Protein backbone atom coordinates (compact mmCIF):
# COMPACT_ATOMS: atom_id res chain seq x y z
CA MET A 1 -106.93 -23.16 51.23
CA GLY A 2 -104.93 -20.00 51.98
CA SER A 3 -106.37 -17.27 53.96
CA SER A 4 -106.70 -15.29 50.90
CA GLY A 5 -109.02 -17.72 49.29
CA ARG A 6 -106.41 -18.59 46.54
CA VAL A 7 -105.34 -22.30 46.09
CA THR A 8 -101.81 -22.31 47.13
CA LEU A 9 -98.91 -25.15 46.58
CA LYS A 10 -99.39 -26.07 50.09
CA ASP A 11 -103.28 -26.81 49.61
CA VAL A 12 -102.07 -29.14 46.46
CA ALA A 13 -99.48 -30.90 48.68
CA ALA A 14 -101.88 -31.41 51.15
CA ALA A 15 -104.60 -32.89 48.88
CA SER A 16 -101.88 -35.13 47.02
CA GLY A 17 -100.15 -36.25 50.12
CA VAL A 18 -96.60 -35.07 49.18
CA SER A 19 -94.52 -32.29 50.16
CA ARG A 20 -94.67 -28.78 48.99
CA ALA A 21 -91.18 -29.30 47.09
CA THR A 22 -92.50 -32.18 45.19
CA VAL A 23 -95.62 -30.32 44.19
CA SER A 24 -93.29 -27.65 42.84
CA PHE A 25 -91.14 -29.95 41.01
CA VAL A 26 -94.01 -31.71 39.24
CA LEU A 27 -95.89 -28.50 38.29
CA ASN A 28 -92.52 -27.12 37.05
CA ASP A 29 -91.93 -30.32 35.19
CA ASP A 30 -88.32 -30.42 36.39
CA PRO A 31 -86.38 -33.28 34.57
CA ARG A 32 -83.93 -33.37 37.13
CA GLN A 33 -86.05 -34.81 39.57
CA SER A 34 -86.76 -38.45 40.07
CA ILE A 35 -90.54 -38.57 40.86
CA SER A 36 -92.65 -41.31 39.86
CA ALA A 37 -95.42 -41.21 37.15
CA ALA A 38 -97.87 -42.21 39.59
CA THR A 39 -97.05 -39.30 41.81
CA ARG A 40 -96.84 -36.79 39.14
CA ASP A 41 -100.41 -37.86 38.04
CA ARG A 42 -101.79 -37.54 41.64
CA VAL A 43 -100.27 -33.97 42.10
CA LYS A 44 -101.42 -32.72 38.69
CA GLN A 45 -105.04 -34.13 39.26
CA ALA A 46 -105.28 -32.64 42.89
CA ALA A 47 -104.20 -29.26 41.13
CA ARG A 48 -106.93 -29.55 38.53
CA ASP A 49 -109.51 -30.56 41.16
CA LEU A 50 -108.45 -27.58 43.19
CA GLY A 51 -108.24 -25.03 40.30
CA TYR A 52 -104.63 -24.25 41.11
CA VAL A 53 -103.24 -21.12 39.02
CA PRO A 54 -99.53 -20.07 39.73
CA HIS A 55 -99.48 -17.11 41.78
CA GLY A 56 -97.41 -15.10 39.31
CA VAL A 57 -99.69 -15.90 36.27
CA ALA A 58 -102.68 -15.08 38.24
CA ARG A 59 -101.18 -11.79 39.23
CA ALA A 60 -100.12 -10.94 35.87
CA LEU A 61 -103.74 -11.49 34.43
CA ARG A 62 -105.39 -9.63 37.33
CA GLU A 63 -102.92 -6.61 36.80
CA GLY A 64 -103.05 -6.57 33.05
CA THR A 65 -99.42 -7.19 32.56
CA SER A 66 -97.82 -8.84 29.76
CA ARG A 67 -96.27 -12.38 30.17
CA VAL A 68 -93.06 -10.76 29.33
CA VAL A 69 -90.08 -10.85 31.61
CA VAL A 70 -86.97 -8.59 30.72
CA LEU A 71 -83.60 -9.19 31.39
CA ASN A 72 -81.18 -6.47 31.46
CA ILE A 73 -77.61 -7.56 30.89
CA ASP A 74 -74.20 -5.73 30.21
CA ALA A 75 -72.58 -7.37 27.00
CA GLU A 76 -69.33 -7.21 28.93
CA LEU A 77 -70.52 -9.74 31.14
CA GLU A 78 -70.85 -12.59 28.66
CA GLY A 79 -69.55 -15.95 29.58
CA ARG A 80 -70.25 -19.29 31.01
CA TYR A 81 -72.06 -17.74 33.82
CA SER A 82 -74.26 -15.66 31.81
CA ARG A 83 -75.18 -18.43 29.03
CA SER A 84 -76.25 -20.91 31.77
CA TYR A 85 -78.03 -18.20 33.77
CA VAL A 86 -80.08 -17.07 30.77
CA ARG A 87 -80.75 -20.75 30.04
CA GLY A 88 -82.19 -21.35 33.30
CA LEU A 89 -84.07 -18.23 33.37
CA ASP A 90 -85.77 -18.92 30.13
CA THR A 91 -86.57 -22.51 30.66
CA GLU A 92 -88.29 -21.69 34.14
CA LEU A 93 -90.19 -18.79 32.67
CA ALA A 94 -91.36 -20.91 29.55
CA ALA A 95 -92.53 -23.65 32.06
CA HIS A 96 -94.81 -20.81 33.39
CA ASP A 97 -95.90 -19.64 30.10
CA HIS A 98 -94.06 -16.55 30.16
CA VAL A 99 -91.59 -15.26 27.56
CA LEU A 100 -87.91 -13.77 28.13
CA LEU A 101 -86.67 -10.65 26.60
CA VAL A 102 -83.10 -9.91 26.88
CA ARG A 103 -82.02 -6.42 26.57
CA TYR A 104 -78.15 -5.75 26.26
CA GLY A 105 -76.53 -2.58 27.30
CA HIS A 106 -76.05 -0.36 30.21
CA ASP A 107 -79.21 -0.40 32.67
CA THR A 108 -80.40 3.17 33.51
CA PRO A 109 -83.63 4.32 35.30
CA GLN A 110 -84.59 5.74 32.00
CA SER A 111 -84.21 2.70 29.84
CA THR A 112 -85.93 0.81 32.37
CA GLN A 113 -88.73 3.12 32.08
CA GLN A 114 -89.05 3.12 28.28
CA VAL A 115 -89.43 -0.80 28.75
CA LEU A 116 -92.12 -0.48 31.06
CA ASP A 117 -93.81 1.87 28.99
CA ALA A 118 -93.61 0.09 25.76
CA ILE A 119 -94.46 -3.50 26.83
CA ALA A 120 -95.73 -3.35 30.56
CA PRO A 121 -93.66 -6.54 31.34
CA ARG A 122 -94.33 -8.69 34.18
CA ALA A 123 -90.95 -8.19 35.59
CA VAL A 124 -87.71 -6.45 34.85
CA ILE A 125 -84.61 -8.47 36.18
CA ARG A 126 -81.14 -7.12 36.64
CA PHE A 127 -78.93 -9.86 35.53
CA GLY A 128 -77.36 -11.97 38.41
CA GLU A 129 -78.01 -9.15 40.73
CA ALA A 130 -77.47 -11.11 44.26
CA TYR A 131 -74.55 -13.06 42.93
CA LEU A 132 -72.75 -10.13 41.29
CA THR A 133 -73.44 -7.90 44.21
CA GLY A 134 -72.48 -10.50 46.90
CA ARG A 135 -75.79 -9.71 48.82
CA GLY A 136 -76.83 -12.29 51.23
CA LEU A 137 -73.63 -13.92 51.90
CA ASP A 138 -75.01 -17.25 52.93
CA ASP A 139 -77.71 -17.83 50.39
CA MET A 140 -77.83 -19.51 46.99
CA GLY A 141 -78.06 -16.14 45.49
CA GLY A 142 -74.47 -14.97 46.13
CA GLY A 143 -71.76 -14.53 48.57
CA TRP A 144 -69.32 -16.81 50.13
CA ARG A 145 -71.11 -20.19 49.47
CA ASP A 146 -72.45 -19.93 45.76
CA GLY A 147 -71.54 -16.48 44.80
CA LEU A 148 -69.10 -14.20 43.41
CA ALA A 149 -67.03 -14.05 46.74
CA ALA A 150 -66.65 -17.81 46.96
CA HIS A 151 -65.61 -18.23 43.21
CA THR A 152 -63.04 -15.29 43.61
CA ALA A 153 -61.65 -16.98 46.71
CA LEU A 154 -61.54 -20.27 44.49
CA GLN A 155 -59.56 -18.64 41.98
CA LEU A 156 -56.84 -17.23 44.53
CA ARG A 157 -56.91 -20.54 46.39
CA HIS A 158 -55.89 -22.52 43.54
CA LEU A 159 -53.05 -20.28 43.00
CA ALA A 160 -51.94 -20.50 46.32
CA GLU A 161 -52.03 -24.14 46.53
CA HIS A 162 -49.69 -24.23 43.69
CA GLY A 163 -47.16 -21.95 45.73
CA HIS A 164 -48.19 -18.56 44.13
CA THR A 165 -48.22 -16.22 47.23
CA ARG A 166 -47.53 -13.18 45.31
CA VAL A 167 -50.32 -12.58 42.89
CA ALA A 168 -51.77 -9.49 40.76
CA VAL A 169 -55.16 -9.27 39.56
CA GLY A 170 -55.76 -8.15 35.92
CA LEU A 171 -58.83 -5.97 35.52
CA PRO A 172 -60.60 -4.96 32.48
CA ASP A 173 -59.91 -1.68 30.73
CA PRO A 174 -62.17 0.05 30.42
CA GLY A 175 -63.22 -0.60 33.90
CA SER A 176 -66.21 -2.77 34.98
CA PRO A 177 -68.99 -2.11 37.58
CA LEU A 178 -67.79 -5.39 39.10
CA ALA A 179 -64.09 -4.45 39.70
CA GLU A 180 -64.54 -2.97 43.05
CA ALA A 181 -66.45 -5.93 44.27
CA ARG A 182 -63.97 -8.44 42.87
CA LEU A 183 -61.16 -6.67 44.62
CA THR A 184 -62.75 -6.47 47.80
CA PHE A 185 -63.62 -10.25 47.88
CA THR A 186 -59.89 -11.10 46.61
CA GLY A 187 -58.44 -9.00 49.46
CA GLN A 188 -60.77 -10.94 52.08
CA ALA A 189 -59.82 -14.32 50.41
CA ALA A 190 -56.16 -13.42 50.67
CA ARG A 191 -56.16 -12.63 54.42
CA GLU A 192 -57.93 -15.76 54.99
CA LEU A 193 -55.32 -17.75 53.09
CA GLY A 194 -52.71 -15.89 54.74
CA VAL A 195 -51.07 -14.49 51.72
CA PRO A 196 -50.40 -10.74 50.88
CA VAL A 197 -53.38 -9.05 49.19
CA PRO A 198 -52.85 -8.98 45.29
CA GLU A 199 -51.72 -6.26 43.38
CA SER A 200 -54.20 -4.85 40.74
CA PHE A 201 -53.63 -3.45 37.37
CA ALA A 202 -55.57 -2.52 34.04
CA VAL A 203 -55.52 -4.65 31.20
CA PRO A 204 -56.03 -2.60 27.94
CA GLN A 205 -57.67 -4.28 24.94
CA ASP A 206 -54.95 -2.87 22.52
CA PRO A 207 -52.27 -5.43 22.34
CA ALA A 208 -49.46 -3.01 22.42
CA ASP A 209 -50.75 -1.09 25.44
CA CYS A 210 -51.59 -4.37 27.22
CA ALA A 211 -47.90 -5.64 26.67
CA ARG A 212 -46.77 -2.20 28.21
CA ALA A 213 -49.25 -2.71 31.06
CA VAL A 214 -48.04 -6.32 31.82
CA GLY A 215 -44.41 -5.38 31.29
CA ALA A 216 -44.69 -2.51 33.79
CA LEU A 217 -46.46 -4.45 36.37
CA LEU A 218 -43.60 -7.08 36.36
CA ALA A 219 -40.97 -4.45 36.39
CA GLY A 220 -42.51 -2.84 39.34
CA VAL A 221 -43.46 -5.73 41.33
CA PRO A 222 -40.90 -8.60 40.60
CA GLU A 223 -42.19 -10.84 43.20
CA VAL A 224 -45.45 -11.38 41.20
CA THR A 225 -45.37 -15.06 39.94
CA ALA A 226 -49.22 -15.27 38.90
CA ILE A 227 -51.66 -13.16 37.34
CA ALA A 228 -55.54 -13.75 38.27
CA GLY A 229 -57.69 -12.30 35.30
CA PHE A 230 -60.98 -10.75 35.95
CA SER A 231 -62.36 -12.81 33.13
CA ASP A 232 -61.05 -15.33 30.66
CA ASP A 233 -60.99 -12.22 27.98
CA VAL A 234 -58.40 -10.38 30.27
CA ALA A 235 -56.51 -13.48 31.02
CA LEU A 236 -56.07 -14.24 27.41
CA ARG A 237 -54.84 -10.85 26.81
CA VAL A 238 -52.43 -11.45 29.64
CA LEU A 239 -51.13 -14.74 28.10
CA THR A 240 -50.37 -12.76 24.76
CA ALA A 241 -48.56 -10.22 26.45
CA LEU A 242 -46.39 -12.52 28.40
CA ARG A 243 -45.55 -14.41 25.21
CA GLY A 244 -44.55 -11.10 23.65
CA LEU A 245 -42.33 -10.17 26.40
CA GLY A 246 -40.40 -13.55 26.42
CA ARG A 247 -42.05 -14.88 29.52
CA ARG A 248 -42.94 -18.54 29.89
CA VAL A 249 -46.25 -19.67 31.22
CA PRO A 250 -46.43 -20.97 33.89
CA GLU A 251 -42.68 -21.52 34.47
CA ASP A 252 -42.15 -17.73 34.93
CA VAL A 253 -45.55 -16.35 35.35
CA ALA A 254 -48.91 -18.35 35.93
CA VAL A 255 -52.41 -16.98 34.58
CA ILE A 256 -55.95 -18.47 35.39
CA GLY A 257 -58.88 -16.95 34.09
CA PHE A 258 -62.56 -16.61 35.36
CA ASP A 259 -65.68 -17.78 33.99
CA ASP A 260 -64.67 -20.19 31.27
CA ASN A 261 -65.53 -18.51 28.01
CA GLY A 262 -64.52 -21.48 25.78
CA TYR A 263 -61.63 -19.81 23.99
CA GLY A 264 -59.08 -20.84 26.54
CA VAL A 265 -58.80 -24.24 25.46
CA HIS A 266 -57.42 -23.03 21.93
CA VAL A 267 -54.50 -20.97 23.10
CA THR A 268 -50.90 -22.25 23.87
CA PRO A 269 -50.77 -23.22 27.02
CA PRO A 270 -54.32 -23.66 27.39
CA LEU A 271 -55.88 -21.35 29.92
CA THR A 272 -56.88 -22.96 33.38
CA THR A 273 -59.86 -21.13 34.43
CA VAL A 274 -62.87 -21.18 37.00
CA ALA A 275 -66.16 -22.51 35.52
CA ILE A 276 -69.31 -21.59 37.05
CA ASP A 277 -72.81 -22.94 36.11
CA ALA A 278 -75.62 -20.64 36.82
CA GLU A 279 -78.79 -22.52 35.45
CA ALA A 280 -79.98 -22.72 39.06
CA HIS A 281 -79.34 -18.97 39.52
CA GLY A 282 -81.48 -18.22 36.45
CA ARG A 283 -84.29 -20.51 37.64
CA LEU A 284 -84.31 -18.77 41.18
CA SER A 285 -84.47 -15.45 39.27
CA ALA A 286 -87.63 -16.54 37.40
CA ARG A 287 -89.25 -17.95 40.43
CA LEU A 288 -88.68 -14.95 42.41
CA ALA A 289 -90.05 -12.69 39.36
CA LEU A 290 -93.17 -14.72 39.30
CA ASP A 291 -93.88 -15.01 43.04
CA LEU A 292 -93.45 -18.79 43.10
CA GLY A 293 -91.55 -20.99 45.48
CA THR A 294 -87.81 -21.59 45.32
CA GLU A 295 -87.52 -24.92 46.88
CA GLY A 296 -85.04 -27.49 45.45
CA LEU A 297 -82.94 -24.82 43.86
CA ARG A 298 -79.11 -24.96 44.57
CA PRO A 299 -76.46 -24.25 42.15
CA PRO A 300 -73.61 -26.76 41.49
CA SER A 301 -70.16 -25.80 42.89
CA ALA A 302 -67.80 -23.67 40.80
CA ARG A 303 -64.86 -25.60 39.78
CA VAL A 304 -61.13 -25.10 38.54
CA VAL A 305 -60.69 -26.23 34.97
CA VAL A 306 -57.06 -27.34 35.09
CA ARG A 307 -55.30 -26.92 31.77
CA GLY A 308 -51.64 -25.69 31.21
CA SER A 309 -51.33 -22.14 32.45
CA VAL A 310 -50.92 -22.79 36.00
């Protein structure tokens, strides 16, 4: 038993003769793990015999907090990543008898304090923080292995492999808090690939303004042969603008999106994009919020969904 007197996953593992990771998989009822029924029964019986209580739940009861976890997310970040992240977060929290409350809108200290005062949540999570900020460049939360930096590099690498060395990055207008990080990672990836650091420009939502912005970019930097969208939304605006300008895609200008929002398949040409499954990131956030082990969590690699725009 742990030095604090509290039964831990390690104690359950020792009593059932399996690894700590296996205990975590069994008690979290992870359907993706192939664990025999006999082993599952042995682990659950050991947990019952020892009186094991998940640390997060025990602390919530002891401190008088609710079993609600709040997720703050900006609506502009909606996409494949956010949907899969929320799904993983919700599933993992539910497995530990907690409820997820999603709060859309810009996060401020004042808004967070209002939530704390109103419902005393178990935790307040900033959506995908490690992934989006690129902290911990080698861990599964973000960075160059499974995070924003790696996925930004994947987008640029796909263009470079198709012969596009002069690239422009289309950014959302109004701007995003992630724009600076994306440009930093794009520049680093370009230097590693040995291609020029891409130009960047804002892509307005208004169609006429968008067409003017794309036209001005191509007139000012005629060497550009591809545009990498900050998101699928931005890339789809660029596709529409290029068609209005009489530019062929991908013959004249290639376009690639980011975070496959599902709409790119419905346009002509269909949009090539980077797809990211973040369910493991959501599960990781849930376990960290509840002070549980994080063994066995590793997100699948992002992939380029090849369609017709590159």
